[in-house]
Amino acid sequence: MTREKSLDILGLSQSAARDEIEDAYRRLVRRYPPEFQPEKFRQIDEAYRFLTSLPYLLERLLSPGLEKETIDKDLFKFPLSPPSSSSEEALADIKKEFRMAHLWPSSDE
C-alpha cells in the first residue's frame, strides 16, 4: 500500500495531519461498518493502519526531502509510563497490606 492510495481510500489530501486521518477513519468506519461492508471496512482499516504505523512514520521522518518545519510532532508522541509517585503510592499500599496481614493473620492460616 502507498501513501497516495491510503489517503485516497480515506478521502484525504496529501497534507493531511494525524487528527484528520483519525477523524476520517472514524467517519468512514461508522459509514461502512464491518458487519455490512466487510471488504470496504478492510480497505479503510488497512489504509489507517498504514498511515499510522511506526515504520511508515519513521520512513517519512528520515526521508531526504522532508523539511524540519513540515514534521508533525504529534505523530511521534507516545504515552509515557506512569509517574513515579503512582508507583511509590502503590508500593506503600502493598507494604501496608503486608503489615496488616502480619499483625492480623486471617483465620484460614
C-alpha atoms as a PDB file:
ATOM      1  CA  MET A   1       0.000   0.000   0.000  1.00  0.00           C
ATOM      2  CA  THR A   2       1.216   3.519  -0.748  1.00  0.00           C
ATOM      3  CA  ARG A   3       0.591   6.807   0.984  1.00  0.00           C
ATOM      4  CA  GLU A   4      -1.340   8.128  -2.013  1.00  0.00           C
ATOM      5  CA  LYS A   5      -3.619   5.089  -2.132  1.00  0.00           C
ATOM      6  CA  SER A   6      -4.180   5.192   1.635  1.00  0.00           C
ATOM      7  CA  LEU A   7      -5.059   8.886   1.546  1.00  0.00           C
ATOM      8  CA  ASP A   8      -7.343   8.282  -1.432  1.00  0.00           C
ATOM      9  CA  ILE A   9      -9.201   5.491   0.404  1.00  0.00           C
ATOM     10  CA  LEU A  10      -9.695   7.776   3.413  1.00  0.00           C
ATOM     11  CA  GLY A  11     -10.626  10.720   1.154  1.00  0.00           C
ATOM     12  CA  LEU A  12      -7.838  12.978   2.395  1.00  0.00           C
ATOM     13  CA  SER A  13      -5.397  15.416   0.812  1.00  0.00           C
ATOM     14  CA  GLN A  14      -1.609  14.956   0.721  1.00  0.00           C
ATOM     15  CA  SER A  15      -1.183  17.419   3.590  1.00  0.00           C
ATOM     16  CA  ALA A  16      -3.464  15.523   5.991  1.00  0.00           C
ATOM     17  CA  ALA A  17      -2.405  15.637   9.629  1.00  0.00           C
ATOM     18  CA  ARG A  18      -2.849  12.862  12.172  1.00  0.00           C
ATOM     19  CA  ASP A  19      -6.069  14.366  13.552  1.00  0.00           C
ATOM     20  CA  GLU A  20      -7.569  14.459  10.075  1.00  0.00           C
ATOM     21  CA  ILE A  21      -6.549  10.844   9.457  1.00  0.00           C
ATOM     22  CA  GLU A  22      -8.186   9.711  12.712  1.00  0.00           C
ATOM     23  CA  ASP A  23     -11.350  11.743  12.054  1.00  0.00           C
ATOM     24  CA  ALA A  24     -11.667  10.321   8.527  1.00  0.00           C
ATOM     25  CA  TYR A  25     -11.154   6.781   9.841  1.00  0.00           C
ATOM     26  CA  ARG A  26     -13.872   7.169  12.481  1.00  0.00           C
ATOM     27  CA  ARG A  27     -16.270   8.746   9.997  1.00  0.00           C
ATOM     28  CA  LEU A  28     -15.746   6.002   7.394  1.00  0.00           C
ATOM     29  CA  VAL A  29     -15.995   3.157   9.926  1.00  0.00           C
ATOM     30  CA  ARG A  30     -19.376   4.488  11.007  1.00  0.00           C
ATOM     31  CA  ARG A  31     -20.415   4.741   7.368  1.00  0.00           C
ATOM     32  CA  TYR A  32     -19.074   1.307   6.349  1.00  0.00           C
ATOM     33  CA  PRO A  33     -19.345  -0.968   9.417  1.00  0.00           C
ATOM     34  CA  PRO A  34     -17.589  -4.341   9.140  1.00  0.00           C
ATOM     35  CA  GLU A  35     -20.831  -6.255   9.656  1.00  0.00           C
ATOM     36  CA  PHE A  36     -22.410  -4.853   6.488  1.00  0.00           C
ATOM     37  CA  GLN A  37     -19.467  -3.922   4.247  1.00  0.00           C
ATOM     38  CA  PRO A  38     -16.515  -6.110   5.287  1.00  0.00           C
ATOM     39  CA  GLU A  39     -14.412  -5.508   2.147  1.00  0.00           C
ATOM     40  CA  LYS A  40     -14.742  -1.706   2.298  1.00  0.00           C
ATOM     41  CA  PHE A  41     -14.029  -1.776   6.044  1.00  0.00           C
ATOM     42  CA  ARG A  42     -10.908  -3.893   5.436  1.00  0.00           C
ATOM     43  CA  GLN A  43      -9.610  -1.303   2.939  1.00  0.00           C
ATOM     44  CA  ILE A  44     -10.309   1.576   5.323  1.00  0.00           C
ATOM     45  CA  ASP A  45      -8.673  -0.220   8.249  1.00  0.00           C
ATOM     46  CA  GLU A  46      -5.620  -1.182   6.182  1.00  0.00           C
ATOM     47  CA  ALA A  47      -5.179   2.414   4.959  1.00  0.00           C
ATOM     48  CA  TYR A  48      -5.464   3.776   8.502  1.00  0.00           C
ATOM     49  CA  ARG A  49      -3.008   1.234   9.914  1.00  0.00           C
ATOM     50  CA  PHE A  50      -0.537   2.018   7.132  1.00  0.00           C
ATOM     51  CA  LEU A  51      -0.673   5.780   7.725  1.00  0.00           C
ATOM     52  CA  THR A  52      -0.313   5.445  11.492  1.00  0.00           C
ATOM     53  CA  SER A  53       2.257   2.632  11.643  1.00  0.00           C
ATOM     54  CA  LEU A  54       5.581   3.356  13.318  1.00  0.00           C
ATOM     55  CA  PRO A  55       7.725   2.058  10.415  1.00  0.00           C
ATOM     56  CA  TYR A  56       5.894   4.347   7.995  1.00  0.00           C
ATOM     57  CA  LEU A  57       6.226   7.340  10.318  1.00  0.00           C
ATOM     58  CA  LEU A  58       9.950   6.703  10.739  1.00  0.00           C
ATOM     59  CA  GLU A  59      10.409   6.351   6.990  1.00  0.00           C
ATOM     60  CA  ARG A  60       8.685   9.700   6.482  1.00  0.00           C
ATOM     61  CA  LEU A  61      10.799  11.282   9.189  1.00  0.00           C
ATOM     62  CA  LEU A  62      14.044  10.032   7.659  1.00  0.00           C
ATOM     63  CA  SER A  63      13.195  10.819   4.025  1.00  0.00           C
ATOM     64  CA  PRO A  64      15.706  13.254   2.473  1.00  0.00           C
ATOM     65  CA  GLY A  65      13.099  15.636   1.057  1.00  0.00           C
ATOM     66  CA  LEU A  66      11.441  16.320   4.401  1.00  0.00           C
ATOM     67  CA  GLU A  67      11.870  19.798   5.803  1.00  0.00           C
ATOM     68  CA  LYS A  68      12.056  20.296   9.542  1.00  0.00           C
ATOM     69  CA  GLU A  69       9.086  22.676   9.559  1.00  0.00           C
ATOM     70  CA  THR A  70       6.774  20.129   7.933  1.00  0.00           C
ATOM     71  CA  ILE A  71       7.210  17.468  10.628  1.00  0.00           C
ATOM     72  CA  ASP A  72       4.050  16.950  12.643  1.00  0.00           C
ATOM     73  CA  LYS A  73       5.490  16.390  16.112  1.00  0.00           C
ATOM     74  CA  ASP A  74       2.186  14.972  17.373  1.00  0.00           C
ATOM     75  CA  LEU A  75       2.727  11.931  15.131  1.00  0.00           C
ATOM     76  CA  PHE A  76       5.626  10.858  17.325  1.00  0.00           C
ATOM     77  CA  LYS A  77       4.060  11.329  20.750  1.00  0.00           C
ATOM     78  CA  PHE A  78       3.505   8.105  22.630  1.00  0.00           C
ATOM     79  CA  PRO A  79       2.095   7.594  26.120  1.00  0.00           C
ATOM     80  CA  LEU A  80       4.719   7.604  28.831  1.00  0.00           C
ATOM     81  CA  SER A  81       4.998   5.281  31.778  1.00  0.00           C
ATOM     82  CA  PRO A  82       3.027   6.250  34.888  1.00  0.00           C
ATOM     83  CA  PRO A  83       4.599   8.890  37.106  1.00  0.00           C
ATOM     84  CA  SER A  84       6.902   7.602  39.808  1.00  0.00           C
ATOM     85  CA  SER A  85       4.597   8.950  42.520  1.00  0.00           C
ATOM     86  CA  SER A  86       1.946   6.433  41.443  1.00  0.00           C
ATOM     87  CA  SER A  87       4.347   3.514  41.719  1.00  0.00           C
ATOM     88  CA  GLU A  88       5.576   4.800  45.077  1.00  0.00           C
ATOM     89  CA  GLU A  89       1.996   5.012  46.325  1.00  0.00           C
ATOM     90  CA  ALA A  90       1.268   1.504  45.058  1.00  0.00           C
ATOM     91  CA  LEU A  91       4.373   0.167  46.802  1.00  0.00           C
ATOM     92  CA  ALA A  92       3.355   1.899  50.042  1.00  0.00           C
ATOM     93  CA  ASP A  93      -0.115   0.307  49.799  1.00  0.00           C
ATOM     94  CA  ILE A  94       1.408  -3.144  49.304  1.00  0.00           C
ATOM     95  CA  LYS A  95       3.684  -2.663  52.332  1.00  0.00           C
ATOM     96  CA  LYS A  96       0.715  -1.533  54.403  1.00  0.00           C
ATOM     97  CA  GLU A  97      -1.313  -4.598  53.408  1.00  0.00           C
ATOM     98  CA  PHE A  98       1.638  -6.855  54.214  1.00  0.00           C
ATOM     99  CA  ARG A  99       1.987  -5.316  57.701  1.00  0.00           C
ATOM    100  CA  MET A 100      -1.750  -5.635  58.306  1.00  0.00           C
ATOM    101  CA  ALA A 101      -1.705  -9.285  57.234  1.00  0.00           C
ATOM    102  CA  HIS A 102       1.262  -9.909  59.544  1.00  0.00           C
ATOM    103  CA  LEU A 103      -0.413  -8.221  62.526  1.00  0.00           C
ATOM    104  CA  TRP A 104      -3.852  -9.718  61.974  1.00  0.00           C
ATOM    105  CA  PRO A 105      -3.480 -13.043  60.172  1.00  0.00           C
ATOM    106  CA  SER A 106      -6.632 -14.439  58.626  1.00  0.00           C
ATOM    107  CA  SER A 107      -8.335 -17.429  60.267  1.00  0.00           C
ATOM    108  CA  ASP A 108      -7.521 -19.530  57.166  1.00  0.00           C
ATOM    109  CA  GLU A 109      -3.871 -19.893  58.202  1.00  0.00           C
END
